[in-house]
Every structure is written in structure tokens, then in C-alpha cells.
Amino acid sequence: MGYYLQAFIGRDEDLKIIEKSFEHANVIALVDHIALLPLTEELYNEINNYQKSESIDTFEFLTTETERQILQIIQHKMIAYVEAEYFGGMGNQCGIIWRDGKRIFKKLAEQDVINIILNQFGIKRSKSLDEFDIVGLGRYRNTKDWNTL
């Protein structure tokens, strides 16, 4: 079974600013005021105004238009975007963090990117669980399933 995630991660109150800006945005609380905003197909189309936009690097769903719109909305706040794709134990993650309107972190096609990003938001691994498991990102295996909450 595969695992597919395309989502913004950030502080609950910061993601709610994005949620207010787009009809198809849905913020899901995780732990410790950290939340997830899934980039569903509907939200992707809404942000990109149903137009084609150039992808950023090797991100599949993060476009230049998405970055422009999100940065305009969040301004000086810190927010991240992650993509993960796994099937049969093989796959990778990529992610980006913006703060003060600038990219401060970007990793492409590596392992543990999501854990590194969650750590930047104050999530710490325990002896038995990594950051990914602590916030419950394994709860659903597909981005669209998060909107069932």
C-alpha cells in the first residue's frame, strides 16, 4: 500500500489564515498547536486559479503561483510545505520552509525531511517515536483522506 502526502504544516493559527482565504482549505489540528492543511486537488486548483503554473524544482504539486499566493497571505509567519510518496517501502520526501517571506529550508528527494521540518516547529522525537509518528502523520495514507476529519 502506498503513502502520499502533499500538505502545508505550521502553527494552527497561521494555517487558519490560509484557511480563511480559500474555500477548499481545511486545517487539521495535530499536536501541540501544530496543524496540517492538505493540498487537495480542489485546493491546488483554487490556489492556482485553475491555470497551469510552473512547478518549483522537483516538487510535484508546489508551483510558483502557490508559493506566491501563500507568501502573500502568511507574510512574516513560518510555514512549511511537504510532499511524500512511498510505495512498497520505496520513496522519498521533499519539503520547504518559509519565514519572513523567504525560503529558509529546502530539501528534495531525501529521507527524514518531514521529521526535520517538524523539529523546526518544536516537535521532538521520543525514544520510541519519531516526529512523524508523534504528530500522527501516518493516520491516513493519502492526502485527500485527511479531509474526512
C-alpha atoms as a PDB file:
ATOM      1  CA  MET A   1       0.000   0.000   0.000  1.00  0.00           C
ATOM      2  CA  GLY A   2       1.285   3.476  -0.843  1.00  0.00           C
ATOM      3  CA  TYR A   3       1.610   6.657   1.159  1.00  0.00           C
ATOM      4  CA  TYR A   4       1.030  10.040  -0.489  1.00  0.00           C
ATOM      5  CA  LEU A   5       1.028  13.393   1.264  1.00  0.00           C
ATOM      6  CA  GLN A   6       1.014  16.921  -0.097  1.00  0.00           C
ATOM      7  CA  ALA A   7       0.370  19.428   2.673  1.00  0.00           C
ATOM      8  CA  PHE A   8       1.265  22.624   4.448  1.00  0.00           C
ATOM      9  CA  ILE A   9       2.437  22.277   8.036  1.00  0.00           C
ATOM     10  CA  GLY A  10       2.561  25.062  10.562  1.00  0.00           C
ATOM     11  CA  ARG A  11       1.164  26.540  13.695  1.00  0.00           C
ATOM     12  CA  ASP A  12      -2.579  26.149  13.929  1.00  0.00           C
ATOM     13  CA  GLU A  13      -3.284  29.900  13.997  1.00  0.00           C
ATOM     14  CA  ASP A  14      -1.014  30.565  10.997  1.00  0.00           C
ATOM     15  CA  LEU A  15      -2.630  27.906   8.811  1.00  0.00           C
ATOM     16  CA  LYS A  16      -6.069  29.250   9.723  1.00  0.00           C
ATOM     17  CA  ILE A  17      -5.120  32.463   7.892  1.00  0.00           C
ATOM     18  CA  ILE A  18      -4.755  30.396   4.721  1.00  0.00           C
ATOM     19  CA  GLU A  19      -7.977  28.530   5.504  1.00  0.00           C
ATOM     20  CA  LYS A  20      -9.881  31.828   5.571  1.00  0.00           C
ATOM     21  CA  SER A  21      -8.502  32.733   2.143  1.00  0.00           C
ATOM     22  CA  PHE A  22      -9.584  29.624   0.231  1.00  0.00           C
ATOM     23  CA  GLU A  23     -12.908  27.804   0.157  1.00  0.00           C
ATOM     24  CA  HIS A  24     -11.268  24.371  -0.203  1.00  0.00           C
ATOM     25  CA  ALA A  25      -8.707  24.811   2.595  1.00  0.00           C
ATOM     26  CA  ASN A  26      -9.215  22.676   5.687  1.00  0.00           C
ATOM     27  CA  VAL A  27      -6.891  22.927   8.696  1.00  0.00           C
ATOM     28  CA  ILE A  28      -6.500  19.765  10.761  1.00  0.00           C
ATOM     29  CA  ALA A  29      -5.056  20.022  14.273  1.00  0.00           C
ATOM     30  CA  LEU A  30      -2.253  17.559  15.014  1.00  0.00           C
ATOM     31  CA  VAL A  31      -0.479  18.105  18.370  1.00  0.00           C
ATOM     32  CA  ASP A  32       0.981  20.993  20.370  1.00  0.00           C
ATOM     33  CA  HIS A  33      -0.663  23.703  18.232  1.00  0.00           C
ATOM     34  CA  ILE A  34       0.833  22.168  15.075  1.00  0.00           C
ATOM     35  CA  ALA A  35      -1.587  21.595  12.223  1.00  0.00           C
ATOM     36  CA  LEU A  36      -1.813  20.242   8.712  1.00  0.00           C
ATOM     37  CA  LEU A  37      -3.501  21.821   5.703  1.00  0.00           C
ATOM     38  CA  PRO A  38      -3.785  19.177   2.955  1.00  0.00           C
ATOM     39  CA  LEU A  39      -3.129  20.403  -0.582  1.00  0.00           C
ATOM     40  CA  THR A  40      -6.002  18.527  -2.179  1.00  0.00           C
ATOM     41  CA  GLU A  41      -6.724  18.666  -5.888  1.00  0.00           C
ATOM     42  CA  GLU A  42      -9.532  21.154  -5.231  1.00  0.00           C
ATOM     43  CA  LEU A  43      -7.323  23.464  -3.172  1.00  0.00           C
ATOM     44  CA  TYR A  44      -4.477  23.166  -5.692  1.00  0.00           C
ATOM     45  CA  ASN A  45      -6.835  24.274  -8.483  1.00  0.00           C
ATOM     46  CA  GLU A  46      -8.274  27.097  -6.388  1.00  0.00           C
ATOM     47  CA  ILE A  47      -4.855  28.491  -5.416  1.00  0.00           C
ATOM     48  CA  ASN A  48      -3.588  28.249  -8.999  1.00  0.00           C
ATOM     49  CA  ASN A  49      -6.778  29.833 -10.373  1.00  0.00           C
ATOM     50  CA  TYR A  50      -7.362  26.720 -12.498  1.00  0.00           C
ATOM     51  CA  GLN A  51      -4.324  27.723 -14.577  1.00  0.00           C
ATOM     52  CA  LYS A  52      -1.070  25.899 -15.274  1.00  0.00           C
ATOM     53  CA  SER A  53       1.815  27.154 -13.190  1.00  0.00           C
ATOM     54  CA  GLU A  54       5.456  26.141 -13.171  1.00  0.00           C
ATOM     55  CA  SER A  55       6.462  23.601 -10.528  1.00  0.00           C
ATOM     56  CA  ILE A  56       9.225  24.543  -8.101  1.00  0.00           C
ATOM     57  CA  ASP A  57      12.240  22.257  -8.529  1.00  0.00           C
ATOM     58  CA  THR A  58      11.179  18.616  -8.257  1.00  0.00           C
ATOM     59  CA  PHE A  59       8.038  19.272  -6.234  1.00  0.00           C
ATOM     60  CA  GLU A  60       5.079  17.693  -7.959  1.00  0.00           C
ATOM     61  CA  PHE A  61       2.377  19.998  -6.591  1.00  0.00           C
ATOM     62  CA  LEU A  62       4.187  23.092  -5.308  1.00  0.00           C
ATOM     63  CA  THR A  63       4.013  25.727  -8.029  1.00  0.00           C
ATOM     64  CA  THR A  64       5.372  29.237  -8.327  1.00  0.00           C
ATOM     65  CA  GLU A  65       1.804  30.559  -8.123  1.00  0.00           C
ATOM     66  CA  THR A  66       1.112  28.567  -4.962  1.00  0.00           C
ATOM     67  CA  GLU A  67       4.279  29.918  -3.366  1.00  0.00           C
ATOM     68  CA  ARG A  68       3.423  33.491  -4.396  1.00  0.00           C
ATOM     69  CA  GLN A  69      -0.106  33.296  -3.001  1.00  0.00           C
ATOM     70  CA  ILE A  70       0.893  31.575   0.249  1.00  0.00           C
ATOM     71  CA  LEU A  71       3.733  34.026   0.923  1.00  0.00           C
ATOM     72  CA  GLN A  72       1.377  36.938   0.313  1.00  0.00           C
ATOM     73  CA  ILE A  73      -1.073  35.508   2.849  1.00  0.00           C
ATOM     74  CA  ILE A  74       1.332  34.427   5.607  1.00  0.00           C
ATOM     75  CA  GLN A  75       3.712  37.395   5.298  1.00  0.00           C
ATOM     76  CA  HIS A  76       6.264  37.092   8.144  1.00  0.00           C
ATOM     77  CA  LYS A  77       4.995  33.841   9.668  1.00  0.00           C
ATOM     78  CA  MET A  78       6.750  30.470   9.387  1.00  0.00           C
ATOM     79  CA  ILE A  79       5.065  27.734   7.371  1.00  0.00           C
ATOM     80  CA  ALA A  80       6.228  24.582   5.609  1.00  0.00           C
ATOM     81  CA  TYR A  81       5.125  22.534   2.645  1.00  0.00           C
ATOM     82  CA  VAL A  82       5.877  18.815   2.337  1.00  0.00           C
ATOM     83  CA  GLU A  83       5.415  16.093  -0.220  1.00  0.00           C
ATOM     84  CA  ALA A  84       5.934  12.402   0.495  1.00  0.00           C
ATOM     85  CA  GLU A  85       5.430   9.453  -1.803  1.00  0.00           C
ATOM     86  CA  TYR A  86       6.116   5.851  -0.843  1.00  0.00           C
ATOM     87  CA  PHE A  87       5.109   2.539  -2.329  1.00  0.00           C
ATOM     88  CA  GLY A  88       6.348  -0.843  -1.203  1.00  0.00           C
ATOM     89  CA  GLY A  89       8.827   0.724   1.193  1.00  0.00           C
ATOM     90  CA  MET A  90      10.457   2.816  -1.542  1.00  0.00           C
ATOM     91  CA  GLY A  91      10.029   6.541  -1.972  1.00  0.00           C
ATOM     92  CA  ASN A  92      11.112   9.922  -0.742  1.00  0.00           C
ATOM     93  CA  GLN A  93      10.127  13.202   0.836  1.00  0.00           C
ATOM     94  CA  CYS A  94      10.734  16.808  -0.029  1.00  0.00           C
ATOM     95  CA  GLY A  95       9.934  19.953   1.861  1.00  0.00           C
ATOM     96  CA  ILE A  96      10.353  23.667   2.110  1.00  0.00           C
ATOM     97  CA  ILE A  97      10.029  26.162   4.968  1.00  0.00           C
ATOM     98  CA  TRP A  98       9.260  29.850   4.507  1.00  0.00           C
ATOM     99  CA  ARG A  99       9.730  32.530   7.159  1.00  0.00           C
ATOM    100  CA  ASP A 100       9.583  36.297   6.749  1.00  0.00           C
ATOM    101  CA  GLY A 101       8.611  35.826   3.103  1.00  0.00           C
ATOM    102  CA  LYS A 102      11.744  33.832   2.227  1.00  0.00           C
ATOM    103  CA  ARG A 103      12.734  30.219   1.787  1.00  0.00           C
ATOM    104  CA  ILE A 104      14.831  29.244   4.786  1.00  0.00           C
ATOM    105  CA  PHE A 105      14.950  25.483   4.189  1.00  0.00           C
ATOM    106  CA  LYS A 106      14.548  23.238   1.161  1.00  0.00           C
ATOM    107  CA  LYS A 107      15.324  19.542   0.775  1.00  0.00           C
ATOM    108  CA  LEU A 108      14.481  17.472  -2.266  1.00  0.00           C
ATOM    109  CA  ALA A 109      14.109  13.694  -2.576  1.00  0.00           C
ATOM    110  CA  GLU A 110      15.587  12.744   0.787  1.00  0.00           C
ATOM    111  CA  GLN A 111      14.590  10.726   3.827  1.00  0.00           C
ATOM    112  CA  ASP A 112      13.553  12.338   7.124  1.00  0.00           C
ATOM    113  CA  VAL A 113      12.696  15.711   5.548  1.00  0.00           C
ATOM    114  CA  ILE A 114       9.328  15.786   7.292  1.00  0.00           C
ATOM    115  CA  ASN A 115      10.950  14.963  10.645  1.00  0.00           C
ATOM    116  CA  ILE A 116      13.455  17.791  10.172  1.00  0.00           C
ATOM    117  CA  ILE A 117      10.637  20.216   9.361  1.00  0.00           C
ATOM    118  CA  LEU A 118       8.508  19.120  12.323  1.00  0.00           C
ATOM    119  CA  ASN A 119      11.541  19.576  14.559  1.00  0.00           C
ATOM    120  CA  GLN A 120      11.765  23.196  13.368  1.00  0.00           C
ATOM    121  CA  PHE A 121       8.227  23.654  14.705  1.00  0.00           C
ATOM    122  CA  GLY A 122       9.246  22.315  18.115  1.00  0.00           C
ATOM    123  CA  ILE A 123       8.205  18.680  17.769  1.00  0.00           C
ATOM    124  CA  LYS A 124      10.808  16.433  19.400  1.00  0.00           C
ATOM    125  CA  ARG A 125      11.217  12.713  18.869  1.00  0.00           C
ATOM    126  CA  SER A 126      10.897  10.348  21.795  1.00  0.00           C
ATOM    127  CA  LYS A 127      12.794   7.127  22.448  1.00  0.00           C
ATOM    128  CA  SER A 128      10.189   5.114  20.572  1.00  0.00           C
ATOM    129  CA  LEU A 129       8.582   7.577  18.120  1.00  0.00           C
ATOM    130  CA  ASP A 130       9.969   9.983  15.565  1.00  0.00           C
ATOM    131  CA  GLU A 131       8.412  13.395  14.887  1.00  0.00           C
ATOM    132  CA  PHE A 132       6.272  11.988  12.037  1.00  0.00           C
ATOM    133  CA  ASP A 133       4.666   9.454  14.371  1.00  0.00           C
ATOM    134  CA  ILE A 134       4.313  11.867  17.294  1.00  0.00           C
ATOM    135  CA  VAL A 135       2.088  14.199  15.247  1.00  0.00           C
ATOM    136  CA  GLY A 136       0.200  11.272  13.695  1.00  0.00           C
ATOM    137  CA  LEU A 137       1.007  11.743  10.018  1.00  0.00           C
ATOM    138  CA  GLY A 138       0.612   8.010   9.465  1.00  0.00           C
ATOM    139  CA  ARG A 139      -3.071   8.204  10.385  1.00  0.00           C
ATOM    140  CA  TYR A 140      -4.058   8.428   6.698  1.00  0.00           C
ATOM    141  CA  ARG A 141      -2.213   7.156   3.643  1.00  0.00           C
ATOM    142  CA  ASN A 142      -3.483   9.684   1.101  1.00  0.00           C
ATOM    143  CA  THR A 143      -3.782  13.475   1.146  1.00  0.00           C
ATOM    144  CA  LYS A 144      -7.478  13.505   0.295  1.00  0.00           C
ATOM    145  CA  ASP A 145      -8.297  11.226   3.241  1.00  0.00           C
ATOM    146  CA  TRP A 146      -7.293  13.946   5.734  1.00  0.00           C
ATOM    147  CA  ASN A 147     -10.368  15.940   4.743  1.00  0.00           C
ATOM    148  CA  THR A 148     -12.628  13.241   6.181  1.00  0.00           C
ATOM    149  CA  LEU A 149     -11.973  14.614   9.685  1.00  0.00           C
END
